Amino acid sequence: MENLTGEEIMHFTALFCYNWERSDFENAFKDSRLGWDYYWNKLQGKIEDGADPADAILSTVLNMDNTHKPMLFDYLFNKKYPKEIEQKREWKEIVKKHTEKHSKK
């Protein structure tokens, strides 16, 4: 996905943090030199230690290294959510045109 806005990055990263699954880690990090389960195990360890799952995933994502964060974003924006991003853009354009049309009166 090209030309992502800050709003799109925030929205879909937050959506992932709210709806993550094991398969997301398997897919996002399948080519990781550390193994797909490196960050999965970090996340699970935080949760097992009593962290709130929302805090645990956010902490895990924010503390990813400079190799794995791009892997996650590539997965989110090019594999998991590209259809949703495109639909959101289309609706935004429809609303913009509608607003412009009706604000000229």
N, C-alpha and C. Protein backbone atom coordinates (compact mmCIF):
# COMPACT_ATOMS: atom_id res chain seq x y z
N MET A 1 0.86 -1.17 0.00
CA MET A 1 0.00 0.00 0.00
C MET A 1 0.90 1.23 0.00
N GLU A 2 0.61 2.14 -0.89
CA GLU A 2 1.44 3.33 -1.02
C GLU A 2 0.72 4.56 -0.48
N ASN A 3 1.52 5.57 -0.17
CA ASN A 3 1.01 6.87 0.26
C ASN A 3 0.09 6.78 1.47
N LEU A 4 0.47 5.99 2.44
CA LEU A 4 -0.33 5.89 3.66
C LEU A 4 -0.26 7.21 4.41
N THR A 5 -1.39 7.62 4.93
CA THR A 5 -1.43 8.83 5.75
C THR A 5 -1.11 8.45 7.19
N GLY A 6 -0.77 9.43 7.99
CA GLY A 6 -0.55 9.19 9.41
C GLY A 6 -1.80 8.62 10.07
N GLU A 7 -2.95 9.12 9.65
CA GLU A 7 -4.23 8.63 10.19
C GLU A 7 -4.42 7.14 9.87
N GLU A 8 -4.10 6.74 8.65
CA GLU A 8 -4.25 5.33 8.26
C GLU A 8 -3.29 4.44 9.04
N ILE A 9 -2.07 4.90 9.19
CA ILE A 9 -1.08 4.12 9.95
C ILE A 9 -1.55 3.93 11.39
N MET A 10 -1.97 5.02 12.01
CA MET A 10 -2.45 4.93 13.39
C MET A 10 -3.69 4.05 13.50
N HIS A 11 -4.65 4.26 12.61
CA HIS A 11 -5.92 3.54 12.67
C HIS A 11 -5.70 2.03 12.54
N PHE A 12 -4.96 1.61 11.52
CA PHE A 12 -4.83 0.18 11.27
C PHE A 12 -3.82 -0.49 12.20
N THR A 13 -2.87 0.26 12.72
CA THR A 13 -1.99 -0.30 13.75
C THR A 13 -2.77 -0.51 15.04
N ALA A 14 -3.61 0.46 15.38
CA ALA A 14 -4.46 0.32 16.57
C ALA A 14 -5.46 -0.83 16.39
N LEU A 15 -6.01 -0.95 15.20
CA LEU A 15 -6.94 -2.05 14.91
C LEU A 15 -6.25 -3.39 15.12
N PHE A 16 -5.02 -3.51 14.64
CA PHE A 16 -4.25 -4.73 14.86
C PHE A 16 -4.04 -4.97 16.36
N CYS A 17 -3.67 -3.93 17.08
CA CYS A 17 -3.42 -4.08 18.52
C CYS A 17 -4.67 -4.50 19.28
N TYR A 18 -5.82 -4.21 18.73
CA TYR A 18 -7.09 -4.60 19.36
C TYR A 18 -7.51 -6.01 18.95
N ASN A 19 -7.10 -6.45 17.74
CA ASN A 19 -7.60 -7.71 17.19
C ASN A 19 -6.52 -8.71 16.82
N TRP A 20 -5.37 -8.67 17.44
CA TRP A 20 -4.27 -9.56 17.06
C TRP A 20 -4.60 -11.02 17.34
N GLU A 21 -3.98 -11.87 16.53
CA GLU A 21 -4.10 -13.33 16.68
C GLU A 21 -2.72 -13.95 16.46
N ARG A 22 -2.56 -15.16 16.88
CA ARG A 22 -1.30 -15.88 16.69
C ARG A 22 -0.92 -15.92 15.21
N SER A 23 -1.89 -16.14 14.35
CA SER A 23 -1.60 -16.24 12.91
C SER A 23 -1.00 -14.94 12.36
N ASP A 24 -1.32 -13.80 12.97
CA ASP A 24 -0.71 -12.54 12.54
C ASP A 24 0.80 -12.59 12.74
N PHE A 25 1.23 -13.11 13.85
CA PHE A 25 2.66 -13.23 14.14
C PHE A 25 3.31 -14.25 13.22
N GLU A 26 2.62 -15.37 13.00
CA GLU A 26 3.14 -16.40 12.09
C GLU A 26 3.36 -15.83 10.69
N ASN A 27 2.42 -15.04 10.22
CA ASN A 27 2.51 -14.48 8.87
C ASN A 27 3.46 -13.29 8.78
N ALA A 28 3.39 -12.40 9.74
CA ALA A 28 4.23 -11.19 9.69
C ALA A 28 5.71 -11.52 9.82
N PHE A 29 6.03 -12.50 10.62
CA PHE A 29 7.44 -12.77 10.94
C PHE A 29 7.93 -14.12 10.41
N LYS A 30 7.26 -14.63 9.39
CA LYS A 30 7.63 -15.94 8.86
C LYS A 30 9.07 -15.96 8.33
N ASP A 31 9.60 -14.81 7.91
CA ASP A 31 10.96 -14.74 7.38
C ASP A 31 11.96 -14.18 8.39
N SER A 32 11.56 -14.07 9.63
CA SER A 32 12.43 -13.51 10.66
C SER A 32 13.58 -14.46 10.98
N ARG A 33 14.76 -13.90 11.12
CA ARG A 33 15.92 -14.71 11.51
C ARG A 33 15.77 -15.21 12.95
N LEU A 34 14.90 -14.56 13.72
CA LEU A 34 14.66 -14.96 15.11
C LEU A 34 13.55 -16.00 15.23
N GLY A 35 12.84 -16.23 14.14
CA GLY A 35 11.68 -17.13 14.17
C GLY A 35 10.41 -16.34 14.36
N TRP A 36 9.33 -16.82 13.79
CA TRP A 36 8.05 -16.10 13.87
C TRP A 36 7.60 -15.92 15.31
N ASP A 37 8.02 -16.84 16.19
CA ASP A 37 7.49 -16.83 17.55
C ASP A 37 8.29 -15.98 18.54
N TYR A 38 9.34 -15.32 18.08
CA TYR A 38 10.14 -14.50 19.00
C TYR A 38 9.28 -13.45 19.69
N TYR A 39 8.59 -12.62 18.92
CA TYR A 39 7.74 -11.58 19.53
C TYR A 39 6.45 -12.16 20.10
N TRP A 40 5.99 -13.25 19.54
CA TRP A 40 4.81 -13.93 20.11
C TRP A 40 5.13 -14.37 21.54
N ASN A 41 6.29 -14.97 21.75
CA ASN A 41 6.68 -15.42 23.08
C ASN A 41 6.88 -14.25 24.03
N LYS A 42 7.43 -13.14 23.54
CA LYS A 42 7.56 -11.94 24.38
C LYS A 42 6.18 -11.47 24.83
N LEU A 43 5.25 -11.42 23.89
CA LEU A 43 3.89 -10.98 24.19
C LEU A 43 3.24 -11.91 25.21
N GLN A 44 3.32 -13.19 24.97
CA GLN A 44 2.71 -14.16 25.87
C GLN A 44 3.33 -14.10 27.26
N GLY A 45 4.65 -13.89 27.33
CA GLY A 45 5.32 -13.77 28.62
C GLY A 45 4.81 -12.59 29.42
N LYS A 46 4.59 -11.45 28.74
CA LYS A 46 4.05 -10.28 29.43
C LYS A 46 2.65 -10.55 29.97
N ILE A 47 1.83 -11.20 29.16
CA ILE A 47 0.46 -11.51 29.58
C ILE A 47 0.47 -12.49 30.74
N GLU A 48 1.32 -13.52 30.66
CA GLU A 48 1.41 -14.51 31.74
C GLU A 48 1.92 -13.88 33.04
N ASP A 49 2.72 -12.81 32.91
CA ASP A 49 3.22 -12.11 34.09
C ASP A 49 2.20 -11.13 34.67
N GLY A 50 1.00 -11.09 34.07
CA GLY A 50 -0.07 -10.27 34.62
C GLY A 50 -0.35 -8.97 33.89
N ALA A 51 0.35 -8.72 32.80
CA ALA A 51 0.10 -7.47 32.06
C ALA A 51 -1.25 -7.55 31.37
N ASP A 52 -1.90 -6.42 31.28
CA ASP A 52 -3.13 -6.32 30.50
C ASP A 52 -2.77 -6.62 29.05
N PRO A 53 -3.55 -7.46 28.35
CA PRO A 53 -3.22 -7.79 26.96
C PRO A 53 -3.07 -6.57 26.05
N ALA A 54 -3.89 -5.54 26.27
CA ALA A 54 -3.78 -4.34 25.45
C ALA A 54 -2.44 -3.63 25.70
N ASP A 55 -2.04 -3.55 26.95
CA ASP A 55 -0.74 -2.95 27.28
C ASP A 55 0.40 -3.81 26.74
N ALA A 56 0.23 -5.12 26.84
CA ALA A 56 1.29 -6.04 26.41
C ALA A 56 1.53 -5.96 24.91
N ILE A 57 0.49 -5.92 24.10
CA ILE A 57 0.68 -5.86 22.65
C ILE A 57 1.26 -4.51 22.25
N LEU A 58 0.77 -3.46 22.86
CA LEU A 58 1.29 -2.12 22.54
C LEU A 58 2.77 -2.03 22.89
N SER A 59 3.14 -2.51 24.05
CA SER A 59 4.54 -2.52 24.47
C SER A 59 5.39 -3.37 23.53
N THR A 60 4.87 -4.51 23.14
CA THR A 60 5.59 -5.40 22.24
C THR A 60 5.85 -4.74 20.89
N VAL A 61 4.82 -4.12 20.34
CA VAL A 61 4.96 -3.47 19.03
C VAL A 61 5.91 -2.27 19.12
N LEU A 62 5.74 -1.45 20.14
CA LEU A 62 6.58 -0.25 20.26
C LEU A 62 8.04 -0.58 20.50
N ASN A 63 8.31 -1.74 21.08
CA ASN A 63 9.69 -2.11 21.39
C ASN A 63 10.31 -3.06 20.37
N MET A 64 9.65 -3.27 19.24
CA MET A 64 10.24 -4.11 18.19
C MET A 64 11.47 -3.41 17.62
N ASP A 65 12.42 -4.21 17.16
CA ASP A 65 13.63 -3.65 16.58
C ASP A 65 13.38 -3.14 15.17
N ASN A 66 14.40 -2.53 14.59
CA ASN A 66 14.26 -1.88 13.27
C ASN A 66 14.14 -2.87 12.12
N THR A 67 14.27 -4.13 12.38
CA THR A 67 14.04 -5.16 11.36
C THR A 67 12.60 -5.64 11.42
N HIS A 68 12.09 -5.84 12.61
CA HIS A 68 10.78 -6.46 12.77
C HIS A 68 9.60 -5.50 12.67
N LYS A 69 9.81 -4.26 13.06
CA LYS A 69 8.73 -3.27 12.92
C LYS A 69 8.34 -3.12 11.44
N PRO A 70 9.30 -2.96 10.52
CA PRO A 70 8.92 -2.90 9.10
C PRO A 70 8.25 -4.19 8.60
N MET A 71 8.66 -5.32 9.13
CA MET A 71 8.02 -6.58 8.74
C MET A 71 6.55 -6.57 9.16
N LEU A 72 6.30 -6.09 10.37
CA LEU A 72 4.93 -6.01 10.86
C LEU A 72 4.11 -5.05 10.01
N PHE A 73 4.66 -3.87 9.74
CA PHE A 73 3.92 -2.88 8.95
C PHE A 73 3.68 -3.36 7.52
N ASP A 74 4.66 -4.04 6.94
CA ASP A 74 4.45 -4.61 5.61
C ASP A 74 3.27 -5.59 5.64
N TYR A 75 3.24 -6.42 6.64
CA TYR A 75 2.14 -7.39 6.78
C TYR A 75 0.80 -6.66 6.96
N LEU A 76 0.76 -5.70 7.87
CA LEU A 76 -0.50 -5.01 8.15
C LEU A 76 -1.04 -4.27 6.94
N PHE A 77 -0.18 -3.50 6.28
CA PHE A 77 -0.65 -2.60 5.23
C PHE A 77 -0.69 -3.22 3.84
N ASN A 78 0.01 -4.33 3.63
CA ASN A 78 0.04 -4.95 2.31
C ASN A 78 -0.62 -6.32 2.25
N LYS A 79 -0.89 -6.91 3.40
CA LYS A 79 -1.49 -8.25 3.40
C LYS A 79 -2.78 -8.32 4.22
N LYS A 80 -2.76 -7.79 5.42
CA LYS A 80 -3.93 -7.92 6.31
C LYS A 80 -5.03 -6.90 6.01
N TYR A 81 -4.66 -5.64 5.82
CA TYR A 81 -5.68 -4.58 5.72
C TYR A 81 -5.75 -3.80 4.40
N PRO A 82 -5.14 -4.23 3.30
CA PRO A 82 -5.18 -3.35 2.11
C PRO A 82 -6.59 -3.08 1.58
N LYS A 83 -7.46 -4.06 1.63
CA LYS A 83 -8.84 -3.85 1.17
C LYS A 83 -9.56 -2.83 2.04
N GLU A 84 -9.37 -2.95 3.34
CA GLU A 84 -10.02 -2.03 4.27
C GLU A 84 -9.49 -0.60 4.09
N ILE A 85 -8.19 -0.48 3.84
CA ILE A 85 -7.61 0.84 3.62
C ILE A 85 -8.20 1.46 2.36
N GLU A 86 -8.28 0.68 1.30
CA GLU A 86 -8.83 1.18 0.04
C GLU A 86 -10.30 1.58 0.21
N GLN A 87 -11.08 0.77 0.92
CA GLN A 87 -12.49 1.10 1.16
C GLN A 87 -12.63 2.38 1.96
N LYS A 88 -11.79 2.54 2.96
CA LYS A 88 -11.83 3.76 3.78
C LYS A 88 -11.51 4.98 2.93
N ARG A 89 -10.54 4.84 2.03
CA ARG A 89 -10.18 5.95 1.13
C ARG A 89 -11.34 6.28 0.19
N GLU A 90 -11.99 5.25 -0.35
CA GLU A 90 -13.12 5.48 -1.25
C GLU A 90 -14.25 6.20 -0.53
N TRP A 91 -14.58 5.77 0.67
CA TRP A 91 -15.65 6.43 1.43
C TRP A 91 -15.28 7.86 1.78
N LYS A 92 -14.02 8.08 2.10
CA LYS A 92 -13.57 9.43 2.43
C LYS A 92 -13.75 10.35 1.22
N GLU A 93 -13.45 9.84 0.03
CA GLU A 93 -13.61 10.62 -1.20
C GLU A 93 -15.08 10.89 -1.49
N ILE A 94 -15.94 9.90 -1.26
CA ILE A 94 -17.38 10.09 -1.45
C ILE A 94 -17.90 11.18 -0.52
N VAL A 95 -17.52 11.12 0.73
CA VAL A 95 -17.96 12.11 1.71
C VAL A 95 -17.44 13.50 1.33
N LYS A 96 -16.19 13.57 0.89
CA LYS A 96 -15.60 14.85 0.49
C LYS A 96 -16.39 15.46 -0.67
N LYS A 97 -16.68 14.66 -1.70
CA LYS A 97 -17.43 15.16 -2.85
C LYS A 97 -18.84 15.59 -2.45
N HIS A 98 -19.48 14.80 -1.62
CA HIS A 98 -20.83 15.12 -1.14
C HIS A 98 -20.82 16.43 -0.36
N THR A 99 -19.84 16.58 0.52
CA THR A 99 -19.73 17.80 1.32
C THR A 99 -19.48 19.02 0.44
N GLU A 100 -18.58 18.88 -0.52
CA GLU A 100 -18.29 19.99 -1.42
C GLU A 100 -19.53 20.37 -2.24
N LYS A 101 -20.25 19.38 -2.72
CA LYS A 101 -21.44 19.61 -3.54
C LYS A 101 -22.50 20.36 -2.75
N HIS A 102 -22.71 19.98 -1.51
CA HIS A 102 -23.78 20.56 -0.71
C HIS A 102 -23.36 21.80 0.07
N SER A 103 -22.10 22.08 0.14
CA SER A 103 -21.67 23.28 0.85
C SER A 103 -21.63 24.50 -0.08
N LYS A 104 -21.79 24.28 -1.38
CA LYS A 104 -21.76 25.37 -2.34
C LYS A 104 -23.09 26.10 -2.45
N LYS A 105 -24.12 25.55 -1.86
CA LYS A 105 -25.46 26.15 -1.95
C LYS A 105 -25.60 27.33 -1.07
